[in-house]
Amino acid sequence: MTEAQDLTKLVETIVMTEWDQFQEVNNEGGPANCQGNWPTFFQMRASQFMTWNRVTLESYHADLERANESGRNLLTEKYGLMMASTDPEYFQQNLAAYMPKINEIRTEQQERIITLQVAWAYDFRDRFPKLGQAMRVLRTSEDTAETTSFETYLRAEMSTYSQTTLDHYQALILEDRAQGINITEQTILNTVHLGGFATLDEAEAAQ
């Protein structure tokens, strides 16, 4: 097996492990439609993980495995943490006590990463406005009970990473910045490739 094939297999394993946890996420009013849509889930999650390097992928995979062994569900925690912004009253009354606690130093680390990624998302949306319209709203200030922003989603997801995974992820993001790589652009390029388009320009024109 080549290195590329091995990494593809690792990405697929991570996405399948997340999918299994996603099926256990409790949703008010019963299972959400997206919980039955494996093709879209795979496309969205694999597109993100395909931008990661091996050390970050392996660390996050270990996070998921440890969570399974200890009875934690990282997907439940992620979606619960989003509600701190989208439904703060419900979050405080029903979820806050069960969510991971993030200290000030880690919060500052996460917010530095978020600042870079939100800037990349704005840059991408400016250059590919039609594809950008299909993205989440970008800022937490735009959250509603029905809409979760890119910023809030990212904050909640990173809060479920182990410190080791977050450190590897931060190093990846800083390396991308040094090389002039926009990780939002890379993620959406992977998404459109999986959707059958050859380039971002082709996908933009098809919108």
N, C-alpha and C. Protein backbone atom coordinates (compact mmCIF):
# COMPACT_ATOMS: atom_id res chain seq x y z
N MET A 1 0.85 -1.20 0.00
CA MET A 1 0.00 0.00 0.00
C MET A 1 0.88 1.25 0.00
N THR A 2 0.59 2.20 -0.88
CA THR A 2 1.37 3.42 -0.94
C THR A 2 1.01 4.33 0.24
N GLU A 3 1.84 5.35 0.46
CA GLU A 3 1.56 6.31 1.53
C GLU A 3 0.22 7.00 1.31
N ALA A 4 -0.06 7.39 0.08
CA ALA A 4 -1.33 8.05 -0.23
C ALA A 4 -2.51 7.13 0.05
N GLN A 5 -2.40 5.87 -0.34
CA GLN A 5 -3.47 4.90 -0.09
C GLN A 5 -3.66 4.68 1.41
N ASP A 6 -2.56 4.63 2.13
CA ASP A 6 -2.62 4.43 3.58
C ASP A 6 -3.31 5.60 4.26
N LEU A 7 -3.00 6.83 3.83
CA LEU A 7 -3.65 8.01 4.40
C LEU A 7 -5.14 8.03 4.05
N THR A 8 -5.47 7.64 2.82
CA THR A 8 -6.88 7.57 2.43
C THR A 8 -7.63 6.60 3.30
N LYS A 9 -7.02 5.45 3.59
CA LYS A 9 -7.65 4.45 4.45
C LYS A 9 -7.83 4.99 5.86
N LEU A 10 -6.85 5.74 6.36
CA LEU A 10 -6.94 6.34 7.69
C LEU A 10 -8.08 7.35 7.75
N VAL A 11 -8.20 8.20 6.71
CA VAL A 11 -9.30 9.17 6.65
C VAL A 11 -10.64 8.44 6.67
N GLU A 12 -10.76 7.38 5.85
CA GLU A 12 -12.01 6.63 5.81
C GLU A 12 -12.35 6.02 7.16
N THR A 13 -11.34 5.51 7.86
CA THR A 13 -11.56 4.92 9.17
C THR A 13 -12.05 5.96 10.16
N ILE A 14 -11.44 7.16 10.13
CA ILE A 14 -11.85 8.24 11.03
C ILE A 14 -13.30 8.64 10.75
N VAL A 15 -13.63 8.81 9.48
CA VAL A 15 -14.99 9.24 9.13
C VAL A 15 -16.01 8.18 9.54
N MET A 16 -15.69 6.92 9.35
CA MET A 16 -16.62 5.86 9.75
C MET A 16 -16.78 5.81 11.27
N THR A 17 -15.70 6.06 12.00
CA THR A 17 -15.78 6.09 13.46
C THR A 17 -16.64 7.26 13.93
N GLU A 18 -16.45 8.42 13.29
CA GLU A 18 -17.31 9.57 13.60
C GLU A 18 -18.77 9.26 13.26
N TRP A 19 -19.00 8.62 12.13
CA TRP A 19 -20.37 8.31 11.72
C TRP A 19 -21.07 7.45 12.77
N ASP A 20 -20.34 6.46 13.27
CA ASP A 20 -20.92 5.61 14.31
C ASP A 20 -21.30 6.42 15.54
N GLN A 21 -20.43 7.36 15.94
CA GLN A 21 -20.76 8.22 17.08
C GLN A 21 -21.91 9.16 16.74
N PHE A 22 -21.93 9.64 15.50
CA PHE A 22 -22.97 10.58 15.06
C PHE A 22 -24.36 9.94 15.17
N GLN A 23 -24.42 8.63 14.94
CA GLN A 23 -25.72 7.95 15.02
C GLN A 23 -26.27 7.94 16.44
N GLU A 24 -25.40 8.15 17.43
CA GLU A 24 -25.82 8.13 18.83
C GLU A 24 -26.13 9.52 19.36
N VAL A 25 -25.95 10.56 18.55
CA VAL A 25 -26.24 11.92 18.99
C VAL A 25 -27.75 12.09 19.13
N ASN A 26 -28.18 12.47 20.32
CA ASN A 26 -29.61 12.71 20.55
C ASN A 26 -29.99 14.07 20.00
N ASN A 27 -31.09 14.12 19.28
CA ASN A 27 -31.58 15.36 18.68
C ASN A 27 -33.02 15.58 19.12
N GLU A 28 -33.31 16.79 19.58
CA GLU A 28 -34.69 17.08 19.96
C GLU A 28 -35.61 16.85 18.77
N GLY A 29 -36.68 16.13 18.98
CA GLY A 29 -37.62 15.84 17.90
C GLY A 29 -37.27 14.60 17.10
N GLY A 30 -36.26 13.83 17.58
CA GLY A 30 -35.89 12.61 16.89
C GLY A 30 -34.66 12.80 16.02
N PRO A 31 -34.20 11.74 15.37
CA PRO A 31 -32.98 11.83 14.54
C PRO A 31 -33.09 12.91 13.47
N ALA A 32 -32.01 13.66 13.30
CA ALA A 32 -31.96 14.69 12.25
C ALA A 32 -31.80 14.02 10.89
N ASN A 33 -32.26 14.71 9.84
CA ASN A 33 -32.15 14.16 8.49
C ASN A 33 -30.71 13.82 8.13
N CYS A 34 -29.76 14.68 8.58
CA CYS A 34 -28.36 14.47 8.22
C CYS A 34 -27.80 13.20 8.85
N GLN A 35 -28.45 12.69 9.93
CA GLN A 35 -27.96 11.47 10.56
C GLN A 35 -28.23 10.23 9.71
N GLY A 36 -29.03 10.38 8.67
CA GLY A 36 -29.27 9.27 7.76
C GLY A 36 -28.62 9.46 6.41
N ASN A 37 -27.79 10.49 6.28
CA ASN A 37 -27.21 10.83 4.97
C ASN A 37 -25.70 10.56 4.98
N TRP A 38 -25.35 9.28 4.85
CA TRP A 38 -23.93 8.91 4.87
C TRP A 38 -23.14 9.55 3.73
N PRO A 39 -23.62 9.58 2.47
CA PRO A 39 -22.80 10.15 1.40
C PRO A 39 -22.38 11.60 1.67
N THR A 40 -23.32 12.43 2.14
CA THR A 40 -22.98 13.83 2.42
C THR A 40 -22.05 13.92 3.61
N PHE A 41 -22.32 13.15 4.65
CA PHE A 41 -21.45 13.15 5.83
C PHE A 41 -20.04 12.78 5.42
N PHE A 42 -19.90 11.72 4.63
CA PHE A 42 -18.57 11.30 4.20
C PHE A 42 -17.88 12.39 3.38
N GLN A 43 -18.60 12.99 2.45
CA GLN A 43 -18.01 14.01 1.60
C GLN A 43 -17.52 15.20 2.42
N MET A 44 -18.34 15.65 3.37
CA MET A 44 -17.99 16.83 4.17
C MET A 44 -16.81 16.54 5.11
N ARG A 45 -16.87 15.41 5.79
CA ARG A 45 -15.84 15.11 6.78
C ARG A 45 -14.52 14.69 6.11
N ALA A 46 -14.61 13.84 5.09
CA ALA A 46 -13.39 13.43 4.41
C ALA A 46 -12.68 14.62 3.77
N SER A 47 -13.45 15.56 3.22
CA SER A 47 -12.85 16.75 2.59
C SER A 47 -11.99 17.51 3.58
N GLN A 48 -12.45 17.58 4.82
CA GLN A 48 -11.67 18.27 5.86
C GLN A 48 -10.43 17.46 6.22
N PHE A 49 -10.60 16.17 6.49
CA PHE A 49 -9.47 15.37 6.97
C PHE A 49 -8.42 15.17 5.90
N MET A 50 -8.80 15.28 4.64
CA MET A 50 -7.82 15.15 3.56
C MET A 50 -6.82 16.29 3.55
N THR A 51 -7.10 17.37 4.28
CA THR A 51 -6.15 18.49 4.36
C THR A 51 -5.17 18.30 5.52
N TRP A 52 -5.38 17.26 6.32
CA TRP A 52 -4.53 17.05 7.50
C TRP A 52 -3.33 16.17 7.15
N ASN A 53 -2.26 16.30 7.95
CA ASN A 53 -1.11 15.43 7.80
C ASN A 53 -1.28 14.18 8.67
N ARG A 54 -0.37 13.23 8.51
CA ARG A 54 -0.51 11.95 9.20
C ARG A 54 -0.54 12.10 10.71
N VAL A 55 0.36 12.90 11.27
CA VAL A 55 0.45 12.96 12.73
C VAL A 55 -0.84 13.51 13.33
N THR A 56 -1.48 14.47 12.66
CA THR A 56 -2.74 15.02 13.16
C THR A 56 -3.86 14.01 13.02
N LEU A 57 -3.91 13.32 11.89
CA LEU A 57 -4.93 12.29 11.68
C LEU A 57 -4.80 11.18 12.72
N GLU A 58 -3.59 10.71 12.93
CA GLU A 58 -3.38 9.61 13.88
C GLU A 58 -3.75 10.03 15.30
N SER A 59 -3.45 11.28 15.64
CA SER A 59 -3.77 11.75 16.98
C SER A 59 -5.27 11.85 17.18
N TYR A 60 -5.99 12.37 16.18
CA TYR A 60 -7.44 12.48 16.31
C TYR A 60 -8.10 11.11 16.30
N HIS A 61 -7.57 10.19 15.49
CA HIS A 61 -8.10 8.83 15.50
C HIS A 61 -7.94 8.22 16.89
N ALA A 62 -6.82 8.47 17.54
CA ALA A 62 -6.62 7.98 18.90
C ALA A 62 -7.62 8.62 19.86
N ASP A 63 -7.93 9.91 19.65
CA ASP A 63 -8.96 10.58 20.47
C ASP A 63 -10.29 9.84 20.37
N LEU A 64 -10.68 9.51 19.14
CA LEU A 64 -11.95 8.83 18.92
C LEU A 64 -11.95 7.44 19.56
N GLU A 65 -10.84 6.73 19.43
CA GLU A 65 -10.76 5.39 20.01
C GLU A 65 -10.82 5.45 21.54
N ARG A 66 -10.11 6.40 22.12
CA ARG A 66 -10.16 6.54 23.59
C ARG A 66 -11.57 6.92 24.04
N ALA A 67 -12.23 7.76 23.26
CA ALA A 67 -13.60 8.15 23.60
C ALA A 67 -14.52 6.93 23.60
N ASN A 68 -14.39 6.09 22.59
CA ASN A 68 -15.21 4.88 22.52
C ASN A 68 -14.94 3.97 23.71
N GLU A 69 -13.68 3.85 24.09
CA GLU A 69 -13.32 2.97 25.20
C GLU A 69 -13.85 3.47 26.54
N SER A 70 -13.95 4.80 26.67
CA SER A 70 -14.36 5.38 27.95
C SER A 70 -15.84 5.75 28.01
N GLY A 71 -16.56 5.53 26.89
CA GLY A 71 -17.98 5.85 26.86
C GLY A 71 -18.31 7.29 26.53
N ARG A 72 -17.30 8.05 26.07
CA ARG A 72 -17.56 9.41 25.60
C ARG A 72 -18.00 9.38 24.14
N ASN A 73 -18.70 10.43 23.74
CA ASN A 73 -19.09 10.59 22.35
C ASN A 73 -18.67 11.99 21.92
N LEU A 74 -17.61 12.08 21.12
CA LEU A 74 -17.08 13.40 20.75
C LEU A 74 -18.04 14.16 19.86
N LEU A 75 -18.86 13.46 19.08
CA LEU A 75 -19.84 14.14 18.23
C LEU A 75 -20.96 14.73 19.07
N THR A 76 -21.41 13.99 20.09
CA THR A 76 -22.41 14.53 21.02
C THR A 76 -21.88 15.78 21.69
N GLU A 77 -20.63 15.74 22.12
CA GLU A 77 -20.03 16.90 22.78
C GLU A 77 -19.91 18.08 21.82
N LYS A 78 -19.51 17.80 20.59
CA LYS A 78 -19.37 18.89 19.61
C LYS A 78 -20.69 19.60 19.38
N TYR A 79 -21.74 18.82 19.11
CA TYR A 79 -23.03 19.45 18.83
C TYR A 79 -23.62 20.10 20.09
N GLY A 80 -23.32 19.53 21.24
CA GLY A 80 -23.75 20.17 22.48
C GLY A 80 -23.07 21.51 22.70
N LEU A 81 -21.77 21.55 22.46
CA LEU A 81 -21.02 22.80 22.64
C LEU A 81 -21.49 23.90 21.71
N MET A 82 -21.93 23.55 20.51
CA MET A 82 -22.45 24.56 19.59
C MET A 82 -23.64 25.30 20.21
N MET A 83 -24.41 24.57 21.00
CA MET A 83 -25.62 25.16 21.57
C MET A 83 -25.33 26.22 22.63
N ALA A 84 -24.08 26.30 23.08
CA ALA A 84 -23.70 27.40 23.97
C ALA A 84 -23.93 28.74 23.29
N SER A 85 -23.86 28.74 21.95
CA SER A 85 -24.12 29.95 21.19
C SER A 85 -25.51 29.96 20.55
N THR A 86 -25.94 28.81 20.01
CA THR A 86 -27.20 28.79 19.26
C THR A 86 -28.43 28.71 20.16
N ASP A 87 -28.27 28.16 21.37
CA ASP A 87 -29.39 28.07 22.32
C ASP A 87 -28.83 28.10 23.73
N PRO A 88 -28.29 29.26 24.15
CA PRO A 88 -27.55 29.34 25.42
C PRO A 88 -28.37 28.96 26.65
N GLU A 89 -29.65 29.26 26.65
CA GLU A 89 -30.47 28.92 27.82
C GLU A 89 -30.58 27.41 27.98
N TYR A 90 -30.87 26.72 26.89
CA TYR A 90 -30.96 25.25 26.94
C TYR A 90 -29.61 24.66 27.31
N PHE A 91 -28.55 25.22 26.75
CA PHE A 91 -27.20 24.72 27.02
C PHE A 91 -26.90 24.80 28.52
N GLN A 92 -27.15 25.95 29.12
CA GLN A 92 -26.84 26.12 30.54
C GLN A 92 -27.68 25.21 31.42
N GLN A 93 -28.92 25.03 31.06
CA GLN A 93 -29.83 24.25 31.89
C GLN A 93 -29.61 22.75 31.76
N ASN A 94 -29.20 22.29 30.57
CA ASN A 94 -29.23 20.85 30.30
C ASN A 94 -27.90 20.23 29.89
N LEU A 95 -26.96 21.03 29.39
CA LEU A 95 -25.77 20.44 28.79
C LEU A 95 -24.45 20.85 29.42
N ALA A 96 -24.38 22.05 29.94
CA ALA A 96 -23.09 22.62 30.35
C ALA A 96 -22.33 21.71 31.31
N ALA A 97 -23.03 21.08 32.24
CA ALA A 97 -22.37 20.26 33.25
C ALA A 97 -21.68 19.03 32.66
N TYR A 98 -22.10 18.63 31.45
CA TYR A 98 -21.58 17.40 30.84
C TYR A 98 -20.53 17.67 29.76
N MET A 99 -20.25 18.93 29.49
CA MET A 99 -19.35 19.29 28.41
C MET A 99 -17.91 19.42 28.91
N PRO A 100 -16.93 19.20 28.01
CA PRO A 100 -15.53 19.38 28.41
C PRO A 100 -15.25 20.81 28.85
N LYS A 101 -14.44 20.96 29.87
CA LYS A 101 -14.09 22.29 30.39
C LYS A 101 -12.79 22.75 29.73
N ILE A 102 -12.83 23.95 29.19
CA ILE A 102 -11.69 24.51 28.46
C ILE A 102 -11.10 25.65 29.26
N ASN A 103 -9.82 25.54 29.64
CA ASN A 103 -9.22 26.60 30.44
C ASN A 103 -8.82 27.80 29.59
N GLU A 104 -8.37 28.85 30.25
CA GLU A 104 -8.10 30.12 29.55
C GLU A 104 -6.97 29.99 28.54
N ILE A 105 -5.91 29.26 28.91
CA ILE A 105 -4.77 29.12 28.00
C ILE A 105 -5.20 28.38 26.72
N ARG A 106 -5.96 27.32 26.91
CA ARG A 106 -6.42 26.57 25.74
C ARG A 106 -7.41 27.40 24.92
N THR A 107 -8.29 28.14 25.59
CA THR A 107 -9.23 29.00 24.87
C THR A 107 -8.49 29.97 23.97
N GLU A 108 -7.43 30.59 24.50
CA GLU A 108 -6.65 31.54 23.71
C GLU A 108 -5.98 30.84 22.52
N GLN A 109 -5.49 29.63 22.73
CA GLN A 109 -4.88 28.86 21.64
C GLN A 109 -5.91 28.60 20.54
N GLN A 110 -7.10 28.15 20.94
CA GLN A 110 -8.13 27.86 19.96
C GLN A 110 -8.57 29.11 19.22
N GLU A 111 -8.69 30.22 19.93
CA GLU A 111 -9.16 31.44 19.28
C GLU A 111 -8.16 31.97 18.26
N ARG A 112 -6.87 31.75 18.51
CA ARG A 112 -5.87 32.16 17.51
C ARG A 112 -6.04 31.35 16.23
N ILE A 113 -6.29 30.07 16.36
CA ILE A 113 -6.51 29.22 15.18
C ILE A 113 -7.79 29.65 14.46
N ILE A 114 -8.85 29.89 15.23
CA ILE A 114 -10.13 30.29 14.65
C ILE A 114 -9.98 31.59 13.85
N THR A 115 -9.23 32.53 14.39
CA THR A 115 -9.03 33.82 13.69
C THR A 115 -8.42 33.60 12.31
N LEU A 116 -7.42 32.74 12.22
CA LEU A 116 -6.80 32.44 10.93
C LEU A 116 -7.79 31.77 9.99
N GLN A 117 -8.55 30.81 10.51
CA GLN A 117 -9.44 30.06 9.63
C GLN A 117 -10.63 30.88 9.16
N VAL A 118 -11.14 31.75 10.00
CA VAL A 118 -12.24 32.62 9.57
C VAL A 118 -11.75 33.58 8.49
N ALA A 119 -10.53 34.08 8.64
CA ALA A 119 -9.97 34.97 7.61
C ALA A 119 -9.84 34.22 6.29
N TRP A 120 -9.39 32.98 6.33
CA TRP A 120 -9.31 32.17 5.11
C TRP A 120 -10.69 31.96 4.49
N ALA A 121 -11.68 31.74 5.33
CA ALA A 121 -13.04 31.52 4.83
C ALA A 121 -13.57 32.77 4.12
N TYR A 122 -13.32 33.94 4.71
CA TYR A 122 -13.73 35.19 4.06
C TYR A 122 -13.01 35.35 2.71
N ASP A 123 -11.73 35.06 2.69
CA ASP A 123 -10.96 35.18 1.44
C ASP A 123 -11.53 34.26 0.38
N PHE A 124 -11.83 33.02 0.77
CA PHE A 124 -12.40 32.09 -0.20
C PHE A 124 -13.74 32.58 -0.71
N ARG A 125 -14.58 33.04 0.19
CA ARG A 125 -15.92 33.48 -0.20
C ARG A 125 -15.86 34.68 -1.13
N ASP A 126 -14.87 35.54 -0.95
CA ASP A 126 -14.71 36.68 -1.84
C ASP A 126 -14.34 36.25 -3.25
N ARG A 127 -13.53 35.21 -3.36
CA ARG A 127 -13.03 34.76 -4.67
C ARG A 127 -13.97 33.79 -5.36
N PHE A 128 -14.76 33.07 -4.58
CA PHE A 128 -15.71 32.10 -5.14
C PHE A 128 -17.08 32.34 -4.51
N PRO A 129 -17.74 33.45 -4.90
CA PRO A 129 -18.97 33.85 -4.20
C PRO A 129 -20.10 32.84 -4.31
N LYS A 130 -20.22 32.15 -5.42
CA LYS A 130 -21.32 31.18 -5.55
C LYS A 130 -21.10 29.97 -4.65
N LEU A 131 -19.88 29.44 -4.65
CA LEU A 131 -19.56 28.36 -3.72
C LEU A 131 -19.65 28.87 -2.28
N GLY A 132 -19.27 30.13 -2.09
CA GLY A 132 -19.33 30.72 -0.76
C GLY A 132 -20.74 30.79 -0.21
N GLN A 133 -21.72 30.96 -1.10
CA GLN A 133 -23.12 31.03 -0.66
C GLN A 133 -23.58 29.71 -0.06
N ALA A 134 -22.93 28.61 -0.45
CA ALA A 134 -23.31 27.30 0.06
C ALA A 134 -22.66 26.99 1.40
N MET A 135 -21.72 27.85 1.81
CA MET A 135 -21.06 27.65 3.09
C MET A 135 -21.96 28.09 4.24
N ARG A 136 -21.56 27.69 5.43
CA ARG A 136 -22.21 28.22 6.62
C ARG A 136 -21.99 29.73 6.68
N VAL A 137 -22.86 30.44 7.43
CA VAL A 137 -22.49 31.81 7.79
C VAL A 137 -21.18 31.72 8.57
N LEU A 138 -20.43 32.79 8.62
CA LEU A 138 -19.06 32.67 9.13
C LEU A 138 -18.89 33.01 10.60
N ARG A 139 -19.64 33.96 11.11
CA ARG A 139 -19.37 34.50 12.44
C ARG A 139 -20.37 34.01 13.49
N THR A 140 -19.86 33.81 14.69
CA THR A 140 -20.72 33.42 15.82
C THR A 140 -21.84 34.43 16.03
N SER A 141 -21.58 35.69 15.74
CA SER A 141 -22.61 36.73 15.88
C SER A 141 -23.80 36.50 14.96
N GLU A 142 -23.64 35.63 13.95
CA GLU A 142 -24.73 35.31 13.02
C GLU A 142 -25.50 34.05 13.42
N ASP A 143 -25.12 33.41 14.51
CA ASP A 143 -25.80 32.19 14.96
C ASP A 143 -27.25 32.46 15.29
N THR A 144 -28.09 31.48 15.00
CA THR A 144 -29.49 31.48 15.45
C THR A 144 -29.79 30.07 15.95
N ALA A 145 -31.00 29.86 16.44
CA ALA A 145 -31.38 28.52 16.89
C ALA A 145 -31.35 27.52 15.74
N GLU A 146 -31.49 28.00 14.50
CA GLU A 146 -31.51 27.12 13.32
C GLU A 146 -30.21 27.13 12.53
N THR A 147 -29.33 28.08 12.82
CA THR A 147 -28.13 28.28 12.01
C THR A 147 -26.89 28.32 12.89
N THR A 148 -25.93 27.49 12.56
CA THR A 148 -24.66 27.46 13.29
C THR A 148 -23.55 27.95 12.37
N SER A 149 -22.82 28.93 12.81
CA SER A 149 -21.78 29.53 11.98
C SER A 149 -20.54 28.64 11.90
N PHE A 150 -19.72 28.91 10.90
CA PHE A 150 -18.42 28.25 10.74
C PHE A 150 -17.57 28.45 11.99
N GLU A 151 -17.56 29.66 12.52
CA GLU A 151 -16.75 29.97 13.70
C GLU A 151 -17.20 29.14 14.90
N THR A 152 -18.49 29.06 15.14
CA THR A 152 -19.02 28.30 16.28
C THR A 152 -18.76 26.81 16.10
N TYR A 153 -18.97 26.31 14.89
CA TYR A 153 -18.73 24.89 14.60
C TYR A 153 -17.27 24.55 14.87
N LEU A 154 -16.37 25.38 14.37
CA LEU A 154 -14.94 25.14 14.53
C LEU A 154 -14.55 25.18 16.01
N ARG A 155 -15.07 26.14 16.73
CA ARG A 155 -14.77 26.27 18.16
C ARG A 155 -15.23 25.03 18.92
N ALA A 156 -16.42 24.56 18.61
CA ALA A 156 -16.94 23.38 19.30
C ALA A 156 -16.13 22.14 18.94
N GLU A 157 -15.79 22.00 17.67
CA GLU A 157 -15.04 20.82 17.25
C GLU A 157 -13.67 20.78 17.90
N MET A 158 -12.96 21.89 17.89
CA MET A 158 -11.63 21.90 18.48
C MET A 158 -11.68 21.64 19.99
N SER A 159 -12.78 22.01 20.61
CA SER A 159 -12.90 21.80 22.06
C SER A 159 -13.01 20.32 22.42
N THR A 160 -13.29 19.47 21.44
CA THR A 160 -13.34 18.03 21.70
C THR A 160 -12.00 17.35 21.45
N TYR A 161 -11.03 18.06 20.84
CA TYR A 161 -9.72 17.47 20.58
C TYR A 161 -8.95 17.32 21.88
N SER A 162 -8.14 16.29 21.97
CA SER A 162 -7.16 16.22 23.06
C SER A 162 -6.16 17.36 22.88
N GLN A 163 -5.42 17.67 23.94
CA GLN A 163 -4.42 18.73 23.82
C GLN A 163 -3.37 18.36 22.78
N THR A 164 -3.02 17.09 22.72
CA THR A 164 -2.04 16.64 21.73
C THR A 164 -2.54 16.89 20.31
N THR A 165 -3.79 16.52 20.06
CA THR A 165 -4.35 16.74 18.72
C THR A 165 -4.43 18.22 18.40
N LEU A 166 -4.86 19.02 19.36
CA LEU A 166 -4.95 20.46 19.11
C LEU A 166 -3.57 21.04 18.79
N ASP A 167 -2.55 20.59 19.50
CA ASP A 167 -1.19 21.09 19.23
C ASP A 167 -0.74 20.71 17.82
N HIS A 168 -1.02 19.47 17.42
CA HIS A 168 -0.67 19.05 16.05
C HIS A 168 -1.47 19.86 15.03
N TYR A 169 -2.74 20.10 15.32
CA TYR A 169 -3.59 20.85 14.40
C TYR A 169 -3.09 22.29 14.28
N GLN A 170 -2.72 22.89 15.39
CA GLN A 170 -2.19 24.26 15.35
C GLN A 170 -0.92 24.31 14.50
N ALA A 171 -0.04 23.33 14.67
CA ALA A 171 1.19 23.30 13.88
C ALA A 171 0.87 23.18 12.39
N LEU A 172 -0.14 22.37 12.06
CA LEU A 172 -0.57 22.22 10.67
C LEU A 172 -1.07 23.54 10.11
N ILE A 173 -1.90 24.24 10.86
CA ILE A 173 -2.46 25.52 10.42
C ILE A 173 -1.36 26.56 10.22
N LEU A 174 -0.41 26.61 11.15
CA LEU A 174 0.68 27.58 11.04
C LEU A 174 1.59 27.25 9.86
N GLU A 175 1.78 25.96 9.59
CA GLU A 175 2.56 25.56 8.43
C GLU A 175 1.84 25.96 7.14
N ASP A 176 0.53 25.76 7.10
CA ASP A 176 -0.24 26.19 5.93
C ASP A 176 -0.10 27.69 5.71
N ARG A 177 -0.22 28.45 6.79
CA ARG A 177 -0.10 29.91 6.67
C ARG A 177 1.28 30.29 6.11
N ALA A 178 2.33 29.64 6.61
CA ALA A 178 3.68 29.95 6.16
C ALA A 178 3.86 29.64 4.67
N GLN A 179 3.14 28.63 4.20
CA GLN A 179 3.26 28.23 2.79
C GLN A 179 2.23 28.90 1.89
N GLY A 180 1.41 29.79 2.46
CA GLY A 180 0.41 30.49 1.67
C GLY A 180 -0.77 29.63 1.28
N ILE A 181 -1.04 28.57 2.05
CA ILE A 181 -2.14 27.66 1.77
C ILE A 181 -3.38 28.11 2.55
N ASN A 182 -4.51 28.18 1.86
CA ASN A 182 -5.79 28.50 2.47
C ASN A 182 -6.52 27.18 2.70
N ILE A 183 -6.66 26.78 3.97
CA ILE A 183 -7.21 25.45 4.26
C ILE A 183 -8.69 25.37 3.90
N THR A 184 -9.41 26.49 3.93
CA THR A 184 -10.80 26.48 3.48
C THR A 184 -10.86 26.15 1.99
N GLU A 185 -10.00 26.78 1.22
CA GLU A 185 -9.95 26.50 -0.21
C GLU A 185 -9.60 25.04 -0.47
N GLN A 186 -8.63 24.51 0.27
CA GLN A 186 -8.23 23.12 0.08
C GLN A 186 -9.36 22.16 0.44
N THR A 187 -10.08 22.48 1.52
CA THR A 187 -11.19 21.62 1.94
C THR A 187 -12.29 21.61 0.89
N ILE A 188 -12.66 22.79 0.38
CA ILE A 188 -13.75 22.84 -0.59
C ILE A 188 -13.30 22.27 -1.94
N LEU A 189 -12.02 22.41 -2.27
CA LEU A 189 -11.51 21.74 -3.47
C LEU A 189 -11.69 20.23 -3.34
N ASN A 190 -11.38 19.69 -2.17
CA ASN A 190 -11.60 18.26 -1.96
C ASN A 190 -13.08 17.92 -2.08
N THR A 191 -13.94 18.79 -1.56
CA THR A 191 -15.39 18.55 -1.63
C THR A 191 -15.86 18.50 -3.07
N VAL A 192 -15.43 19.45 -3.88
CA VAL A 192 -15.91 19.47 -5.28
C VAL A 192 -15.30 18.32 -6.07
N HIS A 193 -14.06 17.91 -5.74
CA HIS A 193 -13.49 16.73 -6.39
C HIS A 193 -14.34 15.49 -6.10
N LEU A 194 -14.71 15.34 -4.83
CA LEU A 194 -15.56 14.19 -4.46
C LEU A 194 -16.93 14.29 -5.10
N GLY A 195 -17.34 15.53 -5.44
CA GLY A 195 -18.62 15.74 -6.11
C GLY A 195 -18.55 15.62 -7.62
N GLY A 196 -17.36 15.35 -8.15
CA GLY A 196 -17.23 15.10 -9.58
C GLY A 196 -16.71 16.26 -10.41
N PHE A 197 -16.33 17.38 -9.77
CA PHE A 197 -15.79 18.52 -10.51
C PHE A 197 -14.27 18.46 -10.52
N ALA A 198 -13.68 18.95 -11.61
CA ALA A 198 -12.22 18.90 -11.73
C ALA A 198 -11.55 20.06 -11.00
N THR A 199 -12.22 21.23 -11.00
CA THR A 199 -11.61 22.41 -10.41
C THR A 199 -12.66 23.24 -9.65
N LEU A 200 -12.18 24.16 -8.84
CA LEU A 200 -13.08 25.09 -8.17
C LEU A 200 -13.79 25.99 -9.17
N ASP A 201 -13.08 26.43 -10.20
CA ASP A 201 -13.71 27.29 -11.21
C ASP A 201 -14.86 26.57 -11.90
N GLU A 202 -14.68 25.29 -12.20
CA GLU A 202 -15.74 24.51 -12.83
C GLU A 202 -16.95 24.39 -11.89
N ALA A 203 -16.66 24.12 -10.62
CA ALA A 203 -17.75 24.00 -9.65
C ALA A 203 -18.45 25.33 -9.43
N GLU A 204 -17.69 26.42 -9.43
CA GLU A 204 -18.27 27.75 -9.28
C GLU A 204 -19.22 28.07 -10.44
N ALA A 205 -18.76 27.73 -11.63
CA ALA A 205 -19.57 28.03 -12.82
C ALA A 205 -20.86 27.20 -12.86
N ALA A 206 -20.84 26.04 -12.20
CA ALA A 206 -22.00 25.15 -12.23
C ALA A 206 -23.07 25.53 -11.21
N GLN A 207 -22.73 26.48 -10.32
CA GLN A 207 -23.70 26.83 -9.26
C GLN A 207 -24.84 27.66 -9.83
